[in-house]
Amino acid sequence: LRPGIHIPHPFPVAVSRLRLIFELSFFVSLCDTMVDKATEEKAKGGRGGKKGGKAVSRSRKGGLQLPVGRLASQLKKGRYSERVGAGGPVYLAAVLEYMCAEILELAGNAARDNKKTRIIPRHIQLAIRNDEELNKLLSGVTIAS
């Protein structure tokens, strides 16, 4: 560029091309770094996690309270099918946990309506029978006491 020539655009074409080349080279170097790390982790073996680190349960991974491993072993032991997939017990645990939370919330409301601080079987019965969907699902169930 010669002095005295004014370019109205804030970024001249040459500068914008240089910037683009710089950004692309930065992106390529970033990708190379990621590939290098991945190959190092593969060389260590496994998925590249910390060696000798704490084991993380499937319940913890799924953010669940119910034991996924125990449900998996029960599904296998029960011979409901020849094989049990990895996602089946997690899904089952999630559904059971949701059902428990729903019933306990309604039973807690029933206990509070009766001015009690503890949930007794009567409160669970009231919660189930007053909810249309739960009543339909558990119509053939007898709750003791």
N, C-alpha and C. Protein backbone atom coordinates (compact mmCIF):
# COMPACT_ATOMS: atom_id res chain seq x y z
N LEU A 1 0.83 -1.18 0.00
CA LEU A 1 0.00 0.00 0.00
C LEU A 1 0.88 1.25 0.00
N ARG A 2 0.54 2.16 -0.85
CA ARG A 2 1.28 3.42 -0.94
C ARG A 2 0.68 4.42 0.04
N PRO A 3 1.57 5.23 0.65
CA PRO A 3 1.02 6.26 1.54
C PRO A 3 0.17 7.25 0.77
N GLY A 4 -0.88 7.69 1.41
CA GLY A 4 -1.76 8.65 0.77
C GLY A 4 -2.99 8.00 0.17
N ILE A 5 -3.00 6.68 0.05
CA ILE A 5 -4.19 5.99 -0.48
C ILE A 5 -5.03 5.56 0.71
N HIS A 6 -6.27 6.01 0.70
CA HIS A 6 -7.16 5.71 1.81
C HIS A 6 -8.08 4.56 1.42
N ILE A 7 -8.14 3.54 2.28
CA ILE A 7 -9.04 2.41 2.05
C ILE A 7 -10.20 2.56 3.02
N PRO A 8 -11.42 2.71 2.48
CA PRO A 8 -12.56 2.97 3.36
C PRO A 8 -12.90 1.78 4.28
N HIS A 9 -12.60 0.58 3.86
CA HIS A 9 -12.93 -0.60 4.66
C HIS A 9 -12.04 -0.65 5.90
N PRO A 10 -12.58 -0.95 7.09
CA PRO A 10 -11.74 -0.93 8.29
C PRO A 10 -10.62 -1.97 8.26
N PHE A 11 -10.85 -3.09 7.60
CA PHE A 11 -9.82 -4.12 7.47
C PHE A 11 -9.50 -4.28 5.99
N PRO A 12 -8.34 -3.90 5.59
CA PRO A 12 -7.98 -4.11 4.18
C PRO A 12 -8.04 -5.60 3.84
N VAL A 13 -8.22 -5.88 2.56
CA VAL A 13 -8.35 -7.25 2.09
C VAL A 13 -7.14 -8.08 2.49
N ALA A 14 -5.95 -7.51 2.36
CA ALA A 14 -4.74 -8.26 2.68
C ALA A 14 -4.70 -8.63 4.16
N VAL A 15 -5.10 -7.70 5.03
CA VAL A 15 -5.11 -7.95 6.47
C VAL A 15 -6.15 -8.99 6.82
N SER A 16 -7.32 -8.90 6.20
CA SER A 16 -8.37 -9.88 6.50
C SER A 16 -7.96 -11.27 6.04
N ARG A 17 -7.23 -11.34 4.91
CA ARG A 17 -6.73 -12.65 4.46
C ARG A 17 -5.70 -13.20 5.43
N LEU A 18 -4.81 -12.32 5.92
CA LEU A 18 -3.82 -12.76 6.91
C LEU A 18 -4.50 -13.25 8.18
N ARG A 19 -5.51 -12.52 8.60
CA ARG A 19 -6.25 -12.93 9.80
C ARG A 19 -6.90 -14.30 9.59
N LEU A 20 -7.50 -14.51 8.42
CA LEU A 20 -8.13 -15.78 8.11
C LEU A 20 -7.10 -16.91 8.11
N ILE A 21 -5.94 -16.66 7.52
CA ILE A 21 -4.88 -17.68 7.49
C ILE A 21 -4.41 -17.98 8.90
N PHE A 22 -4.27 -16.93 9.72
CA PHE A 22 -3.84 -17.14 11.11
C PHE A 22 -4.86 -17.97 11.88
N GLU A 23 -6.15 -17.64 11.72
CA GLU A 23 -7.19 -18.38 12.43
C GLU A 23 -7.23 -19.84 11.97
N LEU A 24 -7.09 -20.07 10.68
CA LEU A 24 -7.08 -21.44 10.18
C LEU A 24 -5.88 -22.22 10.71
N SER A 25 -4.71 -21.58 10.74
CA SER A 25 -3.53 -22.27 11.25
C SER A 25 -3.68 -22.57 12.74
N PHE A 26 -4.30 -21.64 13.49
CA PHE A 26 -4.56 -21.87 14.91
C PHE A 26 -5.50 -23.06 15.09
N PHE A 27 -6.56 -23.11 14.27
CA PHE A 27 -7.52 -24.22 14.34
C PHE A 27 -6.85 -25.55 14.02
N VAL A 28 -6.01 -25.57 12.99
CA VAL A 28 -5.30 -26.79 12.61
C VAL A 28 -4.36 -27.25 13.73
N SER A 29 -3.64 -26.30 14.34
CA SER A 29 -2.74 -26.68 15.43
C SER A 29 -3.53 -27.18 16.64
N LEU A 30 -4.69 -26.60 16.88
CA LEU A 30 -5.54 -27.07 17.97
C LEU A 30 -6.00 -28.50 17.71
N CYS A 31 -6.42 -28.78 16.47
CA CYS A 31 -6.84 -30.14 16.11
C CYS A 31 -5.67 -31.12 16.24
N ASP A 32 -4.49 -30.71 15.83
CA ASP A 32 -3.31 -31.57 15.96
C ASP A 32 -3.04 -31.90 17.42
N THR A 33 -3.17 -30.89 18.29
CA THR A 33 -2.96 -31.12 19.71
C THR A 33 -3.96 -32.12 20.26
N MET A 34 -5.22 -32.00 19.83
CA MET A 34 -6.25 -32.93 20.30
C MET A 34 -5.96 -34.34 19.82
N VAL A 35 -5.51 -34.48 18.58
CA VAL A 35 -5.19 -35.79 18.03
C VAL A 35 -4.00 -36.39 18.78
N ASP A 36 -2.99 -35.55 19.07
CA ASP A 36 -1.83 -36.03 19.82
C ASP A 36 -2.23 -36.55 21.19
N LYS A 37 -3.10 -35.81 21.89
CA LYS A 37 -3.55 -36.24 23.21
C LYS A 37 -4.32 -37.55 23.12
N ALA A 38 -5.16 -37.67 22.09
CA ALA A 38 -5.94 -38.90 21.93
C ALA A 38 -5.03 -40.09 21.67
N THR A 39 -3.99 -39.92 20.86
CA THR A 39 -3.08 -41.03 20.61
C THR A 39 -2.28 -41.38 21.85
N GLU A 40 -1.91 -40.37 22.66
CA GLU A 40 -1.21 -40.66 23.92
C GLU A 40 -2.10 -41.47 24.85
N GLU A 41 -3.38 -41.09 24.93
CA GLU A 41 -4.30 -41.82 25.81
C GLU A 41 -4.51 -43.24 25.32
N LYS A 42 -4.57 -43.42 24.01
CA LYS A 42 -4.71 -44.78 23.47
C LYS A 42 -3.49 -45.61 23.80
N ALA A 43 -2.33 -44.99 23.76
CA ALA A 43 -1.10 -45.71 24.05
C ALA A 43 -1.08 -46.17 25.51
N LYS A 44 -1.72 -45.37 26.40
CA LYS A 44 -1.80 -45.77 27.81
C LYS A 44 -2.70 -46.98 27.98
N GLY A 45 -3.68 -47.12 27.11
CA GLY A 45 -4.62 -48.23 27.19
C GLY A 45 -5.98 -47.76 27.67
N GLY A 46 -7.02 -48.45 27.26
CA GLY A 46 -8.36 -48.13 27.70
C GLY A 46 -8.87 -46.85 27.07
N ARG A 47 -9.72 -46.18 27.82
CA ARG A 47 -10.32 -44.95 27.32
C ARG A 47 -9.53 -43.73 27.69
N GLY A 48 -8.37 -43.90 28.28
CA GLY A 48 -7.53 -42.76 28.58
C GLY A 48 -7.83 -42.14 29.92
N GLY A 49 -8.62 -42.82 30.75
CA GLY A 49 -8.89 -42.28 32.08
C GLY A 49 -7.68 -42.43 32.96
N LYS A 50 -7.79 -41.87 34.17
CA LYS A 50 -6.68 -41.97 35.11
C LYS A 50 -6.47 -43.43 35.49
N LYS A 51 -5.24 -43.86 35.46
CA LYS A 51 -4.95 -45.23 35.83
C LYS A 51 -5.02 -45.37 37.33
N GLY A 52 -5.74 -46.36 37.79
CA GLY A 52 -5.85 -46.58 39.22
C GLY A 52 -6.77 -45.57 39.89
N GLY A 53 -7.55 -44.82 39.12
CA GLY A 53 -8.47 -43.84 39.69
C GLY A 53 -9.68 -44.53 40.29
N LYS A 54 -10.51 -43.74 40.95
CA LYS A 54 -11.70 -44.29 41.57
C LYS A 54 -12.68 -44.75 40.50
N ALA A 55 -13.32 -45.89 40.75
CA ALA A 55 -14.34 -46.39 39.84
C ALA A 55 -15.61 -45.55 40.03
N VAL A 56 -16.29 -45.25 38.93
CA VAL A 56 -17.52 -44.48 38.98
C VAL A 56 -18.67 -45.41 38.62
N SER A 57 -19.65 -45.51 39.53
CA SER A 57 -20.76 -46.44 39.31
C SER A 57 -21.65 -45.93 38.19
N ARG A 58 -22.42 -46.85 37.63
CA ARG A 58 -23.35 -46.47 36.58
C ARG A 58 -24.47 -45.60 37.13
N SER A 59 -24.80 -45.80 38.40
CA SER A 59 -25.80 -44.93 39.03
C SER A 59 -25.29 -43.50 39.11
N ARG A 60 -24.02 -43.34 39.45
CA ARG A 60 -23.43 -42.01 39.54
C ARG A 60 -23.36 -41.37 38.17
N LYS A 61 -22.98 -42.17 37.15
CA LYS A 61 -22.90 -41.64 35.79
C LYS A 61 -24.26 -41.18 35.29
N GLY A 62 -25.30 -41.95 35.63
CA GLY A 62 -26.64 -41.61 35.18
C GLY A 62 -27.34 -40.60 36.07
N GLY A 63 -26.71 -40.22 37.20
CA GLY A 63 -27.33 -39.27 38.12
C GLY A 63 -28.54 -39.86 38.82
N LEU A 64 -28.47 -41.15 39.15
CA LEU A 64 -29.60 -41.86 39.75
C LEU A 64 -29.28 -42.27 41.18
N GLN A 65 -30.32 -42.51 41.96
CA GLN A 65 -30.16 -42.99 43.33
C GLN A 65 -30.25 -44.51 43.40
N LEU A 66 -31.08 -45.09 42.56
CA LEU A 66 -31.25 -46.54 42.58
C LEU A 66 -30.03 -47.24 41.98
N PRO A 67 -29.69 -48.43 42.48
CA PRO A 67 -28.48 -49.12 42.01
C PRO A 67 -28.66 -49.77 40.64
N VAL A 68 -28.01 -49.22 39.64
CA VAL A 68 -28.12 -49.74 38.28
C VAL A 68 -27.49 -51.12 38.18
N GLY A 69 -26.35 -51.32 38.83
CA GLY A 69 -25.67 -52.61 38.77
C GLY A 69 -26.50 -53.73 39.36
N ARG A 70 -27.15 -53.44 40.47
CA ARG A 70 -28.00 -54.46 41.11
C ARG A 70 -29.21 -54.78 40.24
N LEU A 71 -29.80 -53.75 39.61
CA LEU A 71 -30.93 -54.00 38.70
C LEU A 71 -30.47 -54.83 37.51
N ALA A 72 -29.26 -54.57 37.01
CA ALA A 72 -28.74 -55.33 35.88
C ALA A 72 -28.58 -56.80 36.25
N SER A 73 -28.03 -57.05 37.43
CA SER A 73 -27.84 -58.45 37.84
C SER A 73 -29.18 -59.13 38.08
N GLN A 74 -30.15 -58.39 38.59
CA GLN A 74 -31.48 -58.98 38.79
C GLN A 74 -32.15 -59.30 37.46
N LEU A 75 -31.96 -58.42 36.48
CA LEU A 75 -32.53 -58.68 35.15
C LEU A 75 -31.91 -59.92 34.53
N LYS A 76 -30.58 -60.07 34.71
CA LYS A 76 -29.90 -61.25 34.16
C LYS A 76 -30.31 -62.51 34.90
N LYS A 77 -30.35 -62.41 36.21
CA LYS A 77 -30.69 -63.55 37.05
C LYS A 77 -32.13 -64.02 36.81
N GLY A 78 -33.02 -63.06 36.53
CA GLY A 78 -34.43 -63.39 36.32
C GLY A 78 -34.72 -64.09 35.00
N ARG A 79 -33.75 -64.12 34.11
CA ARG A 79 -33.89 -64.77 32.79
C ARG A 79 -35.09 -64.23 32.02
N TYR A 80 -35.26 -62.90 32.06
CA TYR A 80 -36.34 -62.28 31.30
C TYR A 80 -36.03 -62.29 29.81
N SER A 81 -34.75 -62.30 29.48
CA SER A 81 -34.32 -62.42 28.09
C SER A 81 -32.94 -63.05 28.09
N GLU A 82 -32.51 -63.47 26.90
CA GLU A 82 -31.19 -64.11 26.81
C GLU A 82 -30.07 -63.12 27.13
N ARG A 83 -30.25 -61.89 26.65
CA ARG A 83 -29.20 -60.89 26.84
C ARG A 83 -29.80 -59.61 27.40
N VAL A 84 -29.00 -58.88 28.16
CA VAL A 84 -29.42 -57.59 28.73
C VAL A 84 -28.45 -56.54 28.23
N GLY A 85 -28.97 -55.53 27.56
CA GLY A 85 -28.12 -54.46 27.04
C GLY A 85 -27.61 -53.55 28.13
N ALA A 86 -26.71 -52.65 27.77
CA ALA A 86 -26.12 -51.74 28.74
C ALA A 86 -27.09 -50.66 29.18
N GLY A 87 -27.98 -50.24 28.28
CA GLY A 87 -28.90 -49.14 28.60
C GLY A 87 -30.16 -49.56 29.32
N GLY A 88 -30.50 -50.85 29.24
CA GLY A 88 -31.75 -51.34 29.84
C GLY A 88 -31.84 -51.10 31.34
N PRO A 89 -30.86 -51.54 32.12
CA PRO A 89 -30.93 -51.32 33.56
C PRO A 89 -30.92 -49.84 33.96
N VAL A 90 -30.24 -49.01 33.19
CA VAL A 90 -30.20 -47.58 33.49
C VAL A 90 -31.59 -46.98 33.28
N TYR A 91 -32.22 -47.35 32.19
CA TYR A 91 -33.57 -46.85 31.89
C TYR A 91 -34.56 -47.33 32.94
N LEU A 92 -34.45 -48.61 33.31
CA LEU A 92 -35.33 -49.17 34.33
C LEU A 92 -35.15 -48.44 35.66
N ALA A 93 -33.91 -48.18 36.04
CA ALA A 93 -33.64 -47.46 37.29
C ALA A 93 -34.23 -46.05 37.24
N ALA A 94 -34.11 -45.40 36.10
CA ALA A 94 -34.66 -44.04 35.97
C ALA A 94 -36.18 -44.04 36.09
N VAL A 95 -36.83 -45.01 35.46
CA VAL A 95 -38.30 -45.09 35.52
C VAL A 95 -38.75 -45.39 36.95
N LEU A 96 -38.11 -46.35 37.59
CA LEU A 96 -38.48 -46.69 38.97
C LEU A 96 -38.25 -45.52 39.92
N GLU A 97 -37.15 -44.82 39.72
CA GLU A 97 -36.86 -43.66 40.57
C GLU A 97 -37.91 -42.56 40.37
N TYR A 98 -38.32 -42.35 39.12
CA TYR A 98 -39.34 -41.35 38.85
C TYR A 98 -40.66 -41.73 39.51
N MET A 99 -41.04 -43.02 39.40
CA MET A 99 -42.29 -43.48 40.00
C MET A 99 -42.26 -43.31 41.52
N CYS A 100 -41.15 -43.68 42.14
CA CYS A 100 -41.01 -43.53 43.60
C CYS A 100 -41.12 -42.06 44.00
N ALA A 101 -40.44 -41.19 43.27
CA ALA A 101 -40.48 -39.77 43.60
C ALA A 101 -41.89 -39.21 43.47
N GLU A 102 -42.59 -39.64 42.44
CA GLU A 102 -43.96 -39.16 42.22
C GLU A 102 -44.88 -39.60 43.36
N ILE A 103 -44.80 -40.88 43.71
CA ILE A 103 -45.67 -41.40 44.77
C ILE A 103 -45.31 -40.77 46.12
N LEU A 104 -44.01 -40.64 46.38
CA LEU A 104 -43.60 -40.05 47.67
C LEU A 104 -44.00 -38.58 47.77
N GLU A 105 -43.96 -37.86 46.66
CA GLU A 105 -44.39 -36.46 46.71
C GLU A 105 -45.87 -36.36 47.04
N LEU A 106 -46.68 -37.18 46.36
CA LEU A 106 -48.12 -37.16 46.63
C LEU A 106 -48.44 -37.65 48.03
N ALA A 107 -47.70 -38.66 48.51
CA ALA A 107 -47.92 -39.17 49.87
C ALA A 107 -47.51 -38.13 50.90
N GLY A 108 -46.45 -37.38 50.63
CA GLY A 108 -46.04 -36.30 51.53
C GLY A 108 -47.09 -35.22 51.61
N ASN A 109 -47.69 -34.91 50.47
CA ASN A 109 -48.78 -33.93 50.47
C ASN A 109 -49.97 -34.44 51.28
N ALA A 110 -50.29 -35.74 51.15
CA ALA A 110 -51.38 -36.33 51.92
C ALA A 110 -51.08 -36.30 53.41
N ALA A 111 -49.82 -36.58 53.78
CA ALA A 111 -49.43 -36.53 55.19
C ALA A 111 -49.54 -35.11 55.73
N ARG A 112 -49.12 -34.13 54.94
CA ARG A 112 -49.21 -32.74 55.38
C ARG A 112 -50.66 -32.30 55.53
N ASP A 113 -51.53 -32.80 54.64
CA ASP A 113 -52.96 -32.47 54.75
C ASP A 113 -53.55 -33.02 56.05
N ASN A 114 -53.01 -34.15 56.51
CA ASN A 114 -53.49 -34.77 57.76
C ASN A 114 -52.68 -34.29 58.97
N LYS A 115 -51.88 -33.24 58.77
CA LYS A 115 -51.07 -32.64 59.84
C LYS A 115 -50.11 -33.64 60.48
N LYS A 116 -49.50 -34.47 59.64
CA LYS A 116 -48.51 -35.45 60.10
C LYS A 116 -47.16 -35.13 59.44
N THR A 117 -46.08 -35.51 60.14
CA THR A 117 -44.75 -35.29 59.57
C THR A 117 -44.16 -36.56 58.98
N ARG A 118 -44.77 -37.71 59.28
CA ARG A 118 -44.30 -38.98 58.73
C ARG A 118 -45.32 -39.55 57.76
N ILE A 119 -44.78 -40.19 56.72
CA ILE A 119 -45.64 -40.86 55.74
C ILE A 119 -45.91 -42.27 56.24
N ILE A 120 -47.18 -42.61 56.33
CA ILE A 120 -47.59 -43.96 56.72
C ILE A 120 -48.26 -44.61 55.50
N PRO A 121 -48.47 -45.92 55.54
CA PRO A 121 -49.10 -46.58 54.37
C PRO A 121 -50.44 -45.98 53.96
N ARG A 122 -51.18 -45.45 54.92
CA ARG A 122 -52.46 -44.82 54.60
C ARG A 122 -52.27 -43.62 53.68
N HIS A 123 -51.20 -42.85 53.89
CA HIS A 123 -50.93 -41.69 53.05
C HIS A 123 -50.57 -42.12 51.63
N ILE A 124 -49.84 -43.22 51.52
CA ILE A 124 -49.50 -43.76 50.18
C ILE A 124 -50.77 -44.21 49.48
N GLN A 125 -51.65 -44.87 50.25
CA GLN A 125 -52.93 -45.32 49.69
C GLN A 125 -53.75 -44.13 49.20
N LEU A 126 -53.83 -43.08 50.01
CA LEU A 126 -54.58 -41.89 49.62
C LEU A 126 -53.98 -41.24 48.38
N ALA A 127 -52.65 -41.18 48.34
CA ALA A 127 -51.97 -40.56 47.20
C ALA A 127 -52.27 -41.30 45.91
N ILE A 128 -52.20 -42.62 45.97
CA ILE A 128 -52.41 -43.43 44.76
C ILE A 128 -53.86 -43.37 44.31
N ARG A 129 -54.78 -43.48 45.24
CA ARG A 129 -56.21 -43.53 44.87
C ARG A 129 -56.74 -42.17 44.42
N ASN A 130 -56.11 -41.08 44.86
CA ASN A 130 -56.57 -39.75 44.44
C ASN A 130 -55.97 -39.32 43.11
N ASP A 131 -54.93 -40.02 42.64
CA ASP A 131 -54.33 -39.70 41.35
C ASP A 131 -54.90 -40.65 40.31
N GLU A 132 -55.43 -40.07 39.23
CA GLU A 132 -56.12 -40.88 38.21
C GLU A 132 -55.20 -41.90 37.55
N GLU A 133 -54.03 -41.46 37.11
CA GLU A 133 -53.11 -42.35 36.38
C GLU A 133 -52.52 -43.42 37.29
N LEU A 134 -52.10 -43.02 38.50
CA LEU A 134 -51.54 -44.01 39.43
C LEU A 134 -52.60 -45.00 39.86
N ASN A 135 -53.83 -44.54 40.04
CA ASN A 135 -54.93 -45.44 40.42
C ASN A 135 -55.16 -46.48 39.34
N LYS A 136 -55.09 -46.05 38.08
CA LYS A 136 -55.29 -46.98 36.97
C LYS A 136 -54.14 -47.99 36.91
N LEU A 137 -52.90 -47.50 37.10
CA LEU A 137 -51.73 -48.37 37.05
C LEU A 137 -51.74 -49.39 38.19
N LEU A 138 -52.09 -48.94 39.38
CA LEU A 138 -52.02 -49.79 40.57
C LEU A 138 -53.41 -50.21 41.06
N SER A 139 -54.33 -50.42 40.10
CA SER A 139 -55.70 -50.79 40.49
C SER A 139 -55.76 -52.16 41.14
N GLY A 140 -54.90 -53.08 40.75
CA GLY A 140 -54.93 -54.43 41.31
C GLY A 140 -54.00 -54.63 42.49
N VAL A 141 -53.49 -53.54 43.06
CA VAL A 141 -52.51 -53.62 44.14
C VAL A 141 -53.19 -53.37 45.48
N THR A 142 -52.86 -54.22 46.46
CA THR A 142 -53.35 -54.02 47.83
C THR A 142 -52.21 -53.47 48.67
N ILE A 143 -52.46 -52.37 49.34
CA ILE A 143 -51.45 -51.78 50.22
C ILE A 143 -51.81 -52.16 51.65
N ALA A 144 -50.90 -52.81 52.32
CA ALA A 144 -51.14 -53.32 53.68
C ALA A 144 -51.30 -52.17 54.66
N SER A 145 -51.87 -52.46 55.80
CA SER A 145 -52.13 -51.52 56.91
C SER A 145 -53.13 -50.48 56.48
